[in-house]
Protein backbone atom coordinates (compact mmCIF):
# COMPACT_ATOMS: atom_id res chain seq x y z
CA MET A 1 27.63 0.22 20.01
CA HIS A 2 27.99 2.07 23.30
CA ASN A 3 24.75 0.83 24.85
CA SER A 4 24.68 3.77 27.26
CA VAL A 5 21.96 6.08 28.55
CA LEU A 6 21.99 9.61 29.94
CA VAL A 7 19.16 10.44 32.38
CA VAL A 8 18.34 14.16 32.76
CA ASP A 9 16.01 15.48 35.48
CA ASN A 10 16.04 18.37 37.95
CA GLU A 11 14.88 15.90 40.60
CA LYS A 12 18.01 14.11 41.81
CA LYS A 13 15.95 11.35 43.43
CA MET A 14 14.29 10.48 40.11
CA CYS A 15 17.67 10.38 38.35
CA HIS A 16 19.04 8.07 41.06
CA LEU A 17 16.07 5.66 40.88
CA ILE A 18 16.22 5.36 37.10
CA ALA A 19 20.01 4.94 37.14
CA MET A 20 19.77 2.13 39.71
CA ALA A 21 17.13 0.33 37.66
CA LEU A 22 19.20 0.57 34.48
CA GLU A 23 22.38 -0.60 36.22
CA MET A 24 20.53 -3.68 37.47
CA GLU A 25 19.83 -4.45 33.80
CA LYS A 26 23.56 -4.03 33.04
CA ILE A 27 22.93 -0.88 30.99
CA LYS A 28 25.59 1.81 31.27
CA VAL A 29 24.09 5.00 32.63
CA GLN A 30 25.04 8.52 33.69
CA THR A 31 22.88 11.28 35.15
CA ALA A 32 22.58 15.03 34.75
CA HIS A 33 20.42 17.40 36.81
CA SER A 34 19.89 20.07 34.14
CA GLY A 35 19.85 20.47 30.38
CA LEU A 36 23.09 22.45 30.48
CA GLU A 37 24.85 19.73 32.49
CA ALA A 38 23.58 17.16 30.00
CA LEU A 39 25.09 19.07 27.06
CA LYS A 40 28.44 19.26 28.86
CA LYS A 41 28.43 15.48 29.40
CA LEU A 42 27.58 14.90 25.75
CA GLN A 43 30.69 16.84 24.75
CA VAL A 44 32.96 14.26 26.40
CA ASN A 45 30.85 11.07 26.34
CA GLN A 46 28.89 9.13 23.75
CA PHE A 47 25.33 8.09 24.51
CA ASP A 48 22.77 6.12 22.57
CA VAL A 49 19.70 7.36 24.45
CA VAL A 50 18.87 10.46 26.46
CA VAL A 51 15.95 10.14 28.87
CA THR A 52 14.93 13.66 29.84
CA ASP A 53 12.22 15.38 31.81
CA LEU A 54 10.18 18.01 29.98
CA LYS A 55 9.71 20.51 32.81
CA MET A 56 13.20 21.73 33.84
CA THR A 57 15.00 25.02 34.46
CA PRO A 58 16.81 26.94 33.13
CA MET A 59 16.65 24.79 29.95
CA ASP A 60 13.49 22.72 29.54
CA GLY A 61 13.23 19.34 27.79
CA LEU A 62 12.11 20.74 24.43
CA ALA A 63 15.07 23.14 24.33
CA LEU A 64 17.42 20.28 25.19
CA LEU A 65 15.79 18.14 22.50
CA LYS A 66 16.37 20.89 19.94
CA GLU A 67 20.07 21.08 20.85
CA LEU A 68 20.43 17.30 20.74
CA LYS A 69 18.90 17.02 17.28
CA LEU A 70 21.08 19.86 16.05
CA HIS A 71 24.42 18.66 17.41
CA TYR A 72 23.86 14.95 18.20
CA PRO A 73 21.27 13.76 15.63
CA SER A 74 22.00 10.05 16.15
CA VAL A 75 21.06 10.18 19.85
CA GLU A 76 17.50 9.01 20.53
CA VAL A 77 15.42 10.94 23.04
CA LEU A 78 12.76 9.57 25.38
CA MET A 79 10.74 12.35 27.05
CA MET A 80 9.26 12.14 30.58
CA THR A 81 6.65 14.56 31.84
CA ALA A 82 3.90 14.98 34.38
CA PHE A 83 2.61 18.03 32.53
CA ALA A 84 1.94 16.55 29.12
CA SER A 85 -0.98 17.30 26.95
CA GLN A 86 -1.30 15.44 23.68
CA GLU A 87 -0.18 18.58 21.84
CA THR A 88 3.00 18.88 23.92
CA ALA A 89 3.89 15.23 23.42
CA LEU A 90 3.27 15.46 19.68
CA GLU A 91 5.35 18.62 19.51
CA ALA A 92 8.24 16.72 21.09
CA MET A 93 7.86 13.84 18.61
CA LYS A 94 7.70 16.28 15.69
CA MET A 95 10.98 17.75 16.91
CA GLY A 96 12.53 14.29 16.87
CA ALA A 97 11.78 12.64 20.21
CA HIS A 98 11.39 8.90 19.81
CA ASP A 99 8.82 8.37 22.54
CA TYR A 100 7.35 9.83 25.71
CA LEU A 101 6.17 8.63 29.13
CA ILE A 102 3.65 10.29 31.41
CA LYS A 103 4.63 10.53 35.09
CA PRO A 104 4.01 8.62 37.24
CA PHE A 105 4.96 5.49 35.35
CA GLU A 106 6.04 1.97 36.26
CA MET A 107 9.81 1.56 36.23
CA ASP A 108 9.41 -1.71 34.36
CA GLU A 109 7.68 0.16 31.54
CA LEU A 110 10.59 2.58 31.24
CA ILE A 111 13.12 -0.28 31.23
CA ILE A 112 11.16 -2.12 28.51
CA ARG A 113 11.04 0.96 26.31
CA ILE A 114 14.74 1.73 26.76
CA LYS A 115 15.73 -1.87 25.97
CA ARG A 116 13.51 -1.85 22.91
CA LEU A 117 15.04 1.43 21.79
CA LEU A 118 18.61 0.19 22.27
CA GLU A 119 17.80 -2.88 20.19
CA GLN A 120 16.34 -0.69 17.44
CA ILE A 121 19.49 1.44 17.47
CA ARG A 122 21.63 -1.69 17.07
CA ILE A 123 19.55 -2.81 14.11
CA ARG A 124 19.56 0.66 12.57
CA GLU A 125 23.35 0.92 12.72
CA GLU A 126 23.73 -2.33 10.78
CA TYR A 127 20.83 -1.32 8.56
CA SER A 128 22.40 2.03 7.56
CA SER A 129 25.84 0.45 6.99
CA LEU A 130 24.42 -1.32 3.95
CA LYS A 131 24.62 1.95 2.02
CA SER A 132 28.41 1.88 2.12
CA GLU A 133 29.15 -1.85 2.13
CA ASP A 134 29.09 -4.30 -0.75
CA ARG A 135 27.58 -7.42 0.78
CA GLY A 136 26.89 -9.15 -2.52
CA ASN A 137 23.51 -10.04 -3.90
CA ILE A 138 20.69 -11.40 -1.74
CA TYR A 139 17.70 -13.25 -3.17
CA TYR A 140 14.43 -14.64 -1.85
CA LYS A 141 12.87 -17.39 -3.92
CA SER A 142 9.39 -15.85 -3.86
CA ILE A 143 10.57 -12.41 -5.07
CA VAL A 144 11.73 -11.77 -8.64
CA GLY A 145 14.14 -8.98 -9.50
CA LYS A 146 17.88 -8.29 -9.60
CA SER A 147 17.77 -4.51 -9.97
CA GLN A 148 19.60 -2.18 -7.62
CA GLY A 149 16.28 -0.98 -6.21
CA MET A 150 15.22 -4.51 -5.32
CA GLN A 151 18.63 -5.34 -3.87
CA ARG A 152 18.15 -2.46 -1.45
CA ILE A 153 14.82 -3.99 -0.43
CA TYR A 154 16.40 -7.45 0.03
CA ASN A 155 19.14 -5.97 2.18
CA LEU A 156 16.62 -4.24 4.41
CA VAL A 157 14.55 -7.41 4.74
CA GLU A 158 17.68 -9.37 5.60
CA LYS A 159 18.47 -6.98 8.44
CA ILE A 160 15.06 -6.74 10.09
CA LYS A 161 13.52 -10.16 9.39
CA ASP A 162 14.60 -11.67 12.73
CA THR A 163 13.51 -8.75 14.87
CA ASP A 164 10.15 -7.74 16.31
CA ALA A 165 10.48 -4.24 14.89
CA THR A 166 7.29 -2.74 13.49
CA VAL A 167 7.56 -2.28 9.72
CA LEU A 168 5.65 0.07 7.41
CA ILE A 169 5.69 -0.99 3.76
CA ARG A 170 4.82 1.80 1.36
CA GLY A 171 4.37 1.63 -2.37
CA GLU A 172 1.94 1.96 -5.22
CA SER A 173 -0.77 -0.65 -5.80
CA GLY A 174 0.62 -3.78 -7.38
CA THR A 175 4.23 -3.36 -6.24
CA GLY A 176 4.14 -6.42 -3.95
CA LYS A 177 3.64 -5.08 -0.43
CA GLU A 178 1.91 -8.24 0.78
CA LEU A 179 4.69 -10.36 -0.74
CA ILE A 180 7.34 -8.44 1.23
CA ALA A 181 5.30 -8.82 4.42
CA ARG A 182 5.09 -12.59 3.91
CA VAL A 183 8.83 -12.81 3.22
CA LEU A 184 9.54 -10.93 6.46
CA HIS A 185 7.36 -13.40 8.36
CA GLU A 186 8.53 -16.58 6.61
CA ASN A 187 12.18 -15.72 7.23
CA SER A 188 11.71 -14.73 10.88
CA SER A 189 11.80 -16.67 14.13
CA ARG A 190 7.98 -16.50 14.06
CA SER A 191 7.72 -18.40 10.77
CA ASP A 192 6.10 -21.47 12.38
CA GLN A 193 3.40 -19.26 13.91
CA PRO A 194 0.37 -17.67 12.17
CA PHE A 195 0.58 -14.94 9.53
CA ILE A 196 -2.73 -13.11 9.79
CA GLU A 197 -3.69 -10.58 7.13
CA VAL A 198 -6.32 -7.86 7.55
CA ASN A 199 -7.25 -5.63 4.61
CA CYS A 200 -8.46 -2.53 6.42
CA ALA A 201 -10.06 -1.19 3.23
CA ALA A 202 -12.11 -4.35 2.66
CA VAL A 203 -13.73 -4.52 6.11
CA PRO A 204 -16.56 -2.02 6.86
CA GLU A 205 -15.46 0.45 9.50
CA THR A 206 -18.32 -0.61 11.78
CA LEU A 207 -16.90 -4.15 11.82
CA LEU A 208 -13.16 -3.43 11.74
CA GLU A 209 -12.74 -3.05 15.51
CA SER A 210 -14.47 -6.40 16.09
CA GLU A 211 -12.40 -7.94 13.30
CA LEU A 212 -9.15 -6.79 14.89
CA PHE A 213 -9.89 -7.20 18.59
CA GLY A 214 -12.81 -9.65 18.71
CA HIS A 215 -16.00 -9.27 20.72
CA GLU A 216 -17.75 -10.72 23.73
CA LYS A 217 -21.08 -12.49 23.58
CA GLY A 218 -23.91 -9.94 23.50
CA ALA A 219 -21.57 -7.02 22.73
CA PHE A 220 -23.90 -5.94 19.92
CA THR A 221 -26.88 -7.21 17.95
CA GLY A 222 -25.92 -10.50 16.33
CA ALA A 223 -23.01 -11.23 18.69
CA HIS A 224 -24.41 -14.59 19.78
CA LYS A 225 -21.07 -15.90 21.00
CA GLU A 226 -17.64 -14.57 21.81
CA LYS A 227 -15.24 -14.25 18.93
CA PRO A 228 -11.45 -13.86 19.06
CA GLY A 229 -10.04 -11.08 16.90
CA LYS A 230 -7.17 -11.14 14.43
CA PHE A 231 -4.69 -9.98 17.08
CA GLU A 232 -5.51 -12.99 19.25
CA LEU A 233 -5.22 -15.30 16.25
CA ALA A 234 -1.82 -13.80 15.44
CA HIS A 235 -0.44 -14.42 18.96
CA GLN A 236 3.29 -15.24 18.72
CA GLY A 237 3.06 -14.72 14.96
CA THR A 238 2.68 -11.74 12.63
CA ILE A 239 -0.30 -9.55 11.83
CA PHE A 240 -0.27 -7.72 8.49
CA LEU A 241 -2.45 -4.61 8.42
CA ASP A 242 -2.86 -3.86 4.72
CA GLU A 243 -4.18 -0.45 3.63
CA ILE A 244 -3.78 0.91 7.16
CA GLY A 245 -4.43 4.42 5.81
CA GLU A 246 -8.12 3.51 5.52
CA MET A 247 -8.48 2.93 9.27
CA SER A 248 -10.65 5.41 11.23
CA LEU A 249 -9.14 7.66 13.88
CA GLU A 250 -11.08 5.82 16.58
CA THR A 251 -9.68 2.43 15.58
CA GLN A 252 -6.23 3.98 15.20
CA ALA A 253 -6.36 5.00 18.87
CA LYS A 254 -7.04 1.40 19.89
CA LEU A 255 -4.22 0.15 17.64
CA LEU A 256 -1.87 2.65 19.27
CA ARG A 257 -2.57 1.03 22.64
CA VAL A 258 -1.56 -2.37 21.28
CA LEU A 259 1.68 -0.90 19.98
CA GLU A 260 2.41 0.81 23.29
CA ASP A 261 1.73 -1.95 25.80
CA LYS A 262 0.61 -5.02 23.80
CA THR A 263 -2.85 -5.02 25.39
CA PHE A 264 -6.37 -4.51 24.07
CA TYR A 265 -10.01 -5.09 24.96
CA ARG A 266 -12.53 -7.11 23.01
CA VAL A 267 -15.61 -5.17 21.96
CA GLY A 268 -17.87 -5.32 25.00
CA GLY A 269 -15.07 -6.70 27.17
CA VAL A 270 -13.84 -5.44 30.55
CA ASN A 271 -10.63 -7.47 30.87
CA ALA A 272 -7.46 -6.40 29.10
CA LEU A 273 -5.91 -9.11 26.93
CA ARG A 274 -2.17 -9.24 26.31
CA VAL A 275 -0.79 -10.39 22.97
CA ASP A 276 2.67 -11.07 21.56
CA THR A 277 2.55 -10.35 17.86
CA ARG A 278 4.70 -8.54 15.34
CA ILE A 279 2.91 -5.78 13.43
CA ILE A 280 3.61 -5.11 9.75
CA ALA A 281 1.55 -2.40 8.07
CA ALA A 282 1.24 -1.37 4.44
CA THR A 283 -0.29 1.50 2.51
CA ASN A 284 -0.36 3.15 -0.89
CA ARG A 285 -1.52 6.40 0.69
CA ASP A 286 0.55 9.45 1.65
CA LEU A 287 0.59 8.79 5.39
CA PRO A 288 2.92 11.72 6.25
CA GLY A 289 0.54 14.08 4.44
CA MET A 290 -2.48 12.47 6.11
CA ALA A 291 -0.83 12.83 9.51
CA GLU A 292 -0.09 16.48 8.79
CA SER A 293 -3.72 17.14 7.84
CA GLY A 294 -5.15 15.23 10.80
CA LYS A 295 -6.57 12.34 8.78
CA PHE A 296 -4.12 9.90 10.39
CA ARG A 297 -2.85 10.00 13.98
CA GLU A 298 0.64 11.45 14.10
CA ASP A 299 1.67 9.44 17.15
CA LEU A 300 0.54 6.22 15.44
CA TYR A 301 2.41 7.14 12.27
CA TYR A 302 5.62 7.72 14.22
CA ARG A 303 5.30 4.31 15.84
CA ILE A 304 4.50 2.19 12.77
CA ASN A 305 7.14 4.00 10.73
CA MET A 306 9.93 2.50 12.88
CA PHE A 307 11.42 0.71 9.85
CA PRO A 308 10.00 1.98 6.55
CA ILE A 309 10.33 -0.07 3.38
CA VAL A 310 9.44 1.84 0.21
CA LEU A 311 8.90 -0.42 -2.80
CA PRO A 312 9.92 1.04 -6.17
CA PRO A 313 7.28 1.08 -8.93
CA LEU A 314 7.95 -1.19 -11.90
CA ARG A 315 8.69 1.79 -14.17
CA GLU A 316 11.73 2.52 -11.98
CA ARG A 317 13.14 -1.02 -12.23
CA LYS A 318 12.45 -1.94 -15.84
CA GLU A 319 15.58 -4.09 -15.96
CA ASP A 320 13.58 -6.62 -13.91
CA ILE A 321 10.83 -6.93 -16.53
CA PRO A 322 12.47 -9.73 -18.62
CA GLU A 323 12.98 -11.92 -15.55
CA LEU A 324 9.45 -11.20 -14.35
CA VAL A 325 8.06 -12.13 -17.78
CA TRP A 326 9.93 -15.43 -17.92
CA TYR A 327 8.97 -16.18 -14.32
CA PHE A 328 5.26 -15.66 -14.94
CA LEU A 329 5.23 -17.55 -18.24
CA ASN A 330 7.11 -20.45 -16.67
CA LYS A 331 4.70 -20.42 -13.72
CA MET A 332 1.73 -20.54 -16.10
CA GLU A 333 3.48 -23.33 -18.07
CA THR A 334 2.37 -21.78 -21.32
CA GLY A 335 3.68 -19.68 -24.16
CA MET A 336 6.80 -17.80 -25.11
CA ILE A 337 7.36 -14.19 -26.09
CA ASP A 338 9.06 -12.64 -29.09
CA LYS A 339 11.58 -9.84 -28.86
CA ASN A 340 9.23 -7.19 -30.30
CA ALA A 341 6.64 -7.92 -27.64
CA MET A 342 9.36 -7.81 -24.97
CA HIS A 343 10.43 -4.39 -26.25
CA VAL A 344 6.84 -3.18 -25.93
CA LEU A 345 6.75 -4.38 -22.31
CA MET A 346 10.06 -2.67 -21.57
CA GLU A 347 8.84 0.66 -22.90
CA TYR A 348 5.45 0.74 -21.17
CA HIS A 349 5.08 2.79 -17.94
CA TRP A 350 3.05 0.16 -15.98
CA PRO A 351 0.73 2.22 -13.76
CA GLY A 352 -0.56 -1.04 -12.23
CA ASN A 353 2.99 -2.31 -11.63
CA VAL A 354 3.84 -6.02 -11.32
CA ARG A 355 0.23 -7.09 -10.80
CA GLN A 356 -0.75 -5.45 -14.10
CA LEU A 357 2.15 -7.18 -15.88
CA GLN A 358 1.13 -10.58 -14.50
CA ASN A 359 -2.52 -10.16 -15.49
CA MET A 360 -1.58 -8.92 -18.95
CA LEU A 361 0.71 -11.91 -19.58
CA TYR A 362 -1.98 -14.33 -18.46
CA ARG A 363 -4.44 -12.82 -20.94
CA ALA A 364 -1.89 -12.65 -23.76
CA SER A 365 -0.72 -16.24 -23.27
CA ILE A 366 -4.29 -17.50 -23.63
CA ILE A 367 -4.83 -15.52 -26.84
CA ALA A 368 -1.43 -16.39 -28.36
CA ASN A 369 -1.46 -20.05 -27.30
CA THR A 370 2.28 -20.40 -28.00
CA ILE A 371 4.16 -17.21 -28.89
CA ILE A 372 3.19 -13.79 -27.55
CA THR A 373 3.71 -11.06 -30.14
CA PRO A 374 2.71 -7.37 -30.01
CA GLU A 375 -0.58 -8.33 -31.63
CA GLU A 376 -1.66 -10.21 -28.49
CA LEU A 377 -0.85 -7.30 -26.18
CA PRO A 378 -3.48 -4.76 -25.07
CA LYS A 379 -3.79 -1.71 -27.31
CA GLU A 380 -2.69 0.68 -24.58
CA LEU A 381 0.71 -1.03 -24.57
CA THR A 382 1.26 -0.94 -28.33
CA ALA A 383 -0.33 2.45 -29.09
CA ALA A 384 2.80 4.37 -28.09
CA ARG A 385 5.19 2.18 -30.03
CA SER A 386 5.41 1.65 -33.77
CA THR A 387 6.25 -1.85 -34.93
CA ALA A 388 6.60 -0.87 -38.58
CA ASP A 389 10.18 -2.08 -38.82
CA GLY A 390 9.55 -4.71 -41.48
CA THR A 391 9.81 -7.53 -38.97
CA ASP A 392 7.47 -10.49 -39.36
CA GLU A 393 6.33 -10.72 -35.73
CA LYS A 394 4.99 -14.24 -36.24
CA ASN A 395 8.33 -15.48 -37.50
CA MET A 396 10.38 -17.63 -35.15
CA SER A 397 13.39 -15.39 -35.83
CA GLY A 398 11.58 -12.78 -33.76
CA LEU A 399 11.83 -14.89 -30.62
CA PHE A 400 13.45 -13.32 -27.60
CA ASN A 401 17.10 -14.31 -27.99
CA PRO A 402 20.53 -13.76 -26.41
CA ASP A 403 21.49 -11.20 -29.07
CA ASP A 404 18.72 -8.91 -27.85
CA VAL A 405 20.11 -6.01 -25.81
CA ASN A 406 17.48 -6.64 -23.12
CA PHE A 407 18.06 -10.37 -22.85
CA GLN A 408 18.48 -11.80 -19.36
CA ILE A 409 18.38 -15.46 -18.38
CA PRO A 410 15.89 -15.71 -15.53
CA ALA A 411 17.01 -17.28 -12.27
CA ARG A 412 14.48 -20.10 -12.66
CA PHE A 413 15.07 -20.81 -16.36
CA GLN A 414 14.58 -24.47 -17.36
CA LEU A 415 16.27 -25.30 -20.65
CA ASP A 416 14.37 -28.51 -21.37
CA ALA A 417 11.02 -26.84 -20.79
CA TYR A 418 11.76 -24.06 -23.25
CA GLU A 419 13.29 -26.44 -25.79
CA LYS A 420 9.98 -28.31 -25.79
CA LYS A 421 8.09 -25.05 -26.25
CA LEU A 422 10.29 -24.14 -29.23
CA ILE A 423 9.58 -27.48 -30.88
CA LEU A 424 5.82 -27.11 -30.37
CA ALA A 425 5.97 -23.55 -31.71
CA ALA A 426 7.89 -24.68 -34.82
CA LEU A 427 5.41 -27.50 -35.45
CA LYS A 428 2.51 -25.06 -35.24
CA GLN A 429 4.20 -22.50 -37.48
CA GLY A 430 5.04 -25.23 -40.01
CA GLU A 431 1.41 -26.37 -40.03
CA TYR A 432 2.54 -29.63 -38.36
CA ASN A 433 4.67 -30.54 -41.36
CA LYS A 434 7.75 -32.14 -39.81
CA THR A 435 10.02 -31.11 -42.69
CA LYS A 436 8.97 -27.45 -42.38
CA ALA A 437 9.29 -27.55 -38.60
CA ALA A 438 12.79 -29.01 -38.83
CA SER A 439 13.76 -26.27 -41.32
CA ILE A 440 12.45 -23.54 -38.99
CA LEU A 441 14.52 -24.97 -36.15
CA GLY A 442 17.59 -25.42 -38.35
CA VAL A 443 17.86 -29.16 -37.70
CA THR A 444 17.40 -32.29 -39.79
CA ARG A 445 14.09 -34.11 -39.87
CA ARG A 446 15.74 -37.05 -38.07
CA ARG A 447 17.03 -34.68 -35.36
CA LEU A 448 13.51 -33.26 -34.97
CA TYR A 449 12.08 -36.76 -34.44
CA SER A 450 14.78 -37.41 -31.84
CA LEU A 451 13.91 -34.19 -30.00
CA MET A 452 10.21 -35.05 -30.13
CA ASP A 453 10.96 -38.43 -28.58
CA LYS A 454 13.10 -36.76 -25.92
CA HIS A 455 10.24 -34.49 -24.89
CA LYS A 456 7.58 -37.18 -25.38
CA ILE A 457 5.79 -35.22 -28.11
CA ASP A 458 3.42 -37.65 -29.80
CA HIS A 459 4.27 -38.02 -33.51
CA ALA A 460 0.67 -39.01 -34.26
CA THR A 461 -0.85 -35.95 -32.62
CA LYS A 462 -1.77 -33.22 -35.07
CA THR A 463 -0.17 -35.06 -38.01
CA GLU A 464 0.98 -33.36 -41.18
CA LYS A 465 -1.67 -31.70 -43.30
CA ARG A 466 -0.61 -33.78 -46.31
CA SER A 467 -0.07 -37.49 -46.01
CA ASN A 468 2.90 -37.42 -48.40
CA SER A 469 4.77 -34.65 -46.58
């Protein structure tokens, strides 16, 4: 990490002022008075950030930016201009500029942005090193999955959890975007502060601005008293903007202000309020495509996409299905699953992802009572798979077992709990005849009684069908 900045401006006085301010913050800095001079310095020095003016001769800021991205792609560029239109600024960001400032600006604002950018670069360098380093497995107790795809997610979370970096979580519905957002918050330095969630798709657009930023008394009909918004409630904590792709362009503009300078106005308010909150956004929409078509602000997209996390759909991490199944069944404290049913789950494409799997298991466990077989699964799951293999799906020999090629012991497996479930399943299958149940389990009748005592299964409950059994 070089932690150094190159300032480029035709105006020598401006270069000198910025350099002095950076040096006071103990940031290494050099200056150049033209784009050509800047390129020469880059040939012999390494810089993290280039702060450049847009209007320069003979090479302007956009031309310099193009050269930087071509030959020094890791260098971040912050553009300064007194001639900016929104189109010019967006053009610079499309070409790869990280940010821009309109002259005249406060020097403190420039320093804040440079410091923030240097911190992001530090995080990114560690973040990208994960691709080539074997750091071992990372797990979070509230997330289930050992697949390579999920390990990549855990590694990213591990790197950015303690920062204030804005995060955009993308993924299909049901992949667990809210869960990742909560894990980021709960494992951060803000964990003892509020986690405030706003579903932008669930709040009518006419009320979303008030929901986010609050309103003053009398701001509109029905505003009988002032109301703090979600950003105020999330002060020093985290705000999670779910389904951000549903937000109107007008509200997006107000959100952009919060991202830029941490200030906003209540609806009907005249005083700017400052807030310290981390922003995590999520969407299942194609935000890059929406930004390209003008349905989502490009400048806002560039800012919230600082650290993207893309969650894999369940169909791309099917090796996690067995652990997910055992986790949900154990959480529901009901039922088991046989190997044929597990095979059906492994072969299905799961358009609704983990949420669909959880809901399906809940339904199936109620219907099956004890053992889930293919018969208890929805028809859409079993339609594509033939079970005509001569296997008696109700037979205990069909239980999911270690000889199954897909068998995995879940991280939260509790042997005693499943031993009890096996005994109850055998009793039910043997019509509550203890001799039959013992035979199914491959133990003596005396051993069965001992196991029933161990698990406090009442011998008098659901007694044998025949008194002489």
